[in-house]
Protein backbone atom coordinates (compact mmCIF):
# COMPACT_ATOMS: atom_id res chain seq x y z
CA MET A 1 11.47 11.62 -14.39
CA ILE A 2 13.26 8.31 -15.36
CA ILE A 3 16.25 7.16 -13.07
CA THR A 4 18.39 4.46 -14.46
CA LEU A 5 20.60 2.66 -11.96
CA ASP A 6 23.95 1.23 -13.17
CA ASP A 7 25.10 -2.10 -11.74
CA CYS A 8 22.11 -2.33 -9.32
CA ASP A 9 22.44 -5.10 -7.19
CA ARG A 10 19.80 -4.56 -4.47
CA PHE A 11 16.56 -3.26 -4.95
CA GLU A 12 13.86 -4.28 -2.45
CA TYR A 13 10.83 -2.57 -0.54
CA HIS A 14 10.40 -3.34 3.24
CA PRO A 15 6.92 -2.26 4.20
CA TYR A 16 6.26 -1.77 7.72
CA LEU A 17 4.34 -4.81 9.28
CA GLU A 18 4.88 -6.97 6.31
CA SER A 19 7.53 -9.00 4.55
CA PRO A 20 9.96 -7.62 2.10
CA VAL A 21 9.15 -7.29 -1.61
CA SER A 22 11.99 -7.72 -4.08
CA GLU A 23 10.30 -8.53 -7.27
CA LEU A 24 10.68 -5.39 -9.55
CA SER A 25 7.23 -5.59 -10.98
CA SER A 26 5.62 -6.03 -7.48
CA VAL A 27 7.58 -2.94 -6.05
CA VAL A 28 6.49 -0.96 -9.32
CA ALA A 29 2.87 -2.01 -8.61
CA LEU A 30 2.80 -0.36 -5.30
CA ASN A 31 3.17 3.14 -6.70
CA LEU A 32 5.28 4.28 -4.00
CA GLU A 33 5.72 7.94 -3.08
CA LEU A 34 9.20 8.67 -2.19
CA LEU A 35 9.45 10.98 0.85
CA SER A 36 13.10 11.33 1.95
CA ALA A 37 16.46 9.42 1.46
CA GLY A 38 19.75 8.86 3.17
CA GLN A 39 22.75 6.37 3.13
CA ASP A 40 22.61 3.20 5.37
CA ASN A 41 25.37 0.67 5.34
CA GLY A 42 26.42 1.22 1.70
CA CYS A 43 22.91 1.47 0.33
CA ILE A 44 20.38 4.10 -0.14
CA SER A 45 17.37 4.00 2.23
CA VAL A 46 14.24 5.59 0.84
CA GLU A 47 11.28 6.34 3.19
CA CYS A 48 8.38 5.73 1.27
CA SER A 49 4.53 6.14 1.30
CA ASP A 50 2.50 3.22 -0.05
CA GLY A 51 -1.21 3.98 0.78
CA GLY A 52 -0.78 2.06 4.23
CA TYR A 53 1.75 2.28 7.01
CA GLY A 54 4.70 2.91 4.38
CA GLY A 55 8.05 1.51 4.48
CA ARG A 56 11.70 1.72 3.22
CA LEU A 57 13.07 1.28 -0.32
CA ILE A 58 16.68 -0.26 -0.12
CA VAL A 59 18.80 0.36 -3.08
CA ARG A 60 22.47 -0.34 -4.08
CA TYR A 61 24.01 0.65 -7.22
CA ARG A 62 27.27 1.99 -8.91
CA SER A 63 25.80 5.12 -10.51
CA ALA A 64 22.49 6.67 -11.54
CA ASN A 65 21.30 8.69 -14.64
CA VAL A 66 18.30 11.02 -14.50
CA THR A 67 16.39 11.97 -17.35
CA THR A 68 13.20 13.72 -18.10
CA VAL A 69 10.29 11.81 -19.94
CA GLU A 70 11.53 13.70 -22.98
CA GLY A 71 14.99 12.21 -22.64
CA GLN A 72 16.83 15.39 -21.37
CA SER A 73 19.54 14.43 -18.90
CA LEU A 74 19.53 16.13 -15.61
CA THR A 75 22.54 16.97 -13.46
CA GLN A 76 22.83 16.77 -9.72
CA ALA A 77 22.75 20.58 -9.57
CA GLU A 78 19.74 20.83 -11.45
CA LEU A 79 17.94 18.14 -9.37
CA GLU A 80 18.96 19.93 -6.25
CA SER A 81 17.79 23.38 -7.58
CA ALA A 82 14.52 21.95 -8.58
CA ALA A 83 14.04 20.53 -5.04
CA GLU A 84 15.13 23.75 -3.53
CA LYS A 85 12.52 25.68 -5.56
CA TYR A 86 9.81 23.11 -5.02
CA TRP A 87 10.18 23.57 -1.04
CA ALA A 88 10.68 27.27 -1.24
CA ASP A 89 7.40 27.31 -3.21
CA TRP A 90 5.63 25.08 -0.70
CA ARG A 91 6.60 27.04 2.15
CA GLN A 92 5.26 30.28 0.61
CA ARG A 93 2.00 28.51 -0.07
CA HIS A 94 1.64 27.24 3.21
CA ALA A 95 2.88 30.20 5.30
């Protein structure tokens, strides 16, 4: 999945117990696993696993476009449906 952020003016990772990382290539190199997200003071706050104690990715942007690696655009409804299916399948496997 590829997410393109339009007019992104904040993109920084705040690892717990360490200094924030704002250099894009350094954030990418962390290979973060995105766990959950919510809004916080006009930004998106994403709880992440980084192989250590984890942290929060803080992002602020005007709009986002999501596509598959093959270039197919995905709507919000399609993303929500895929997430619901993933968690339903997960619950069934772990029941």
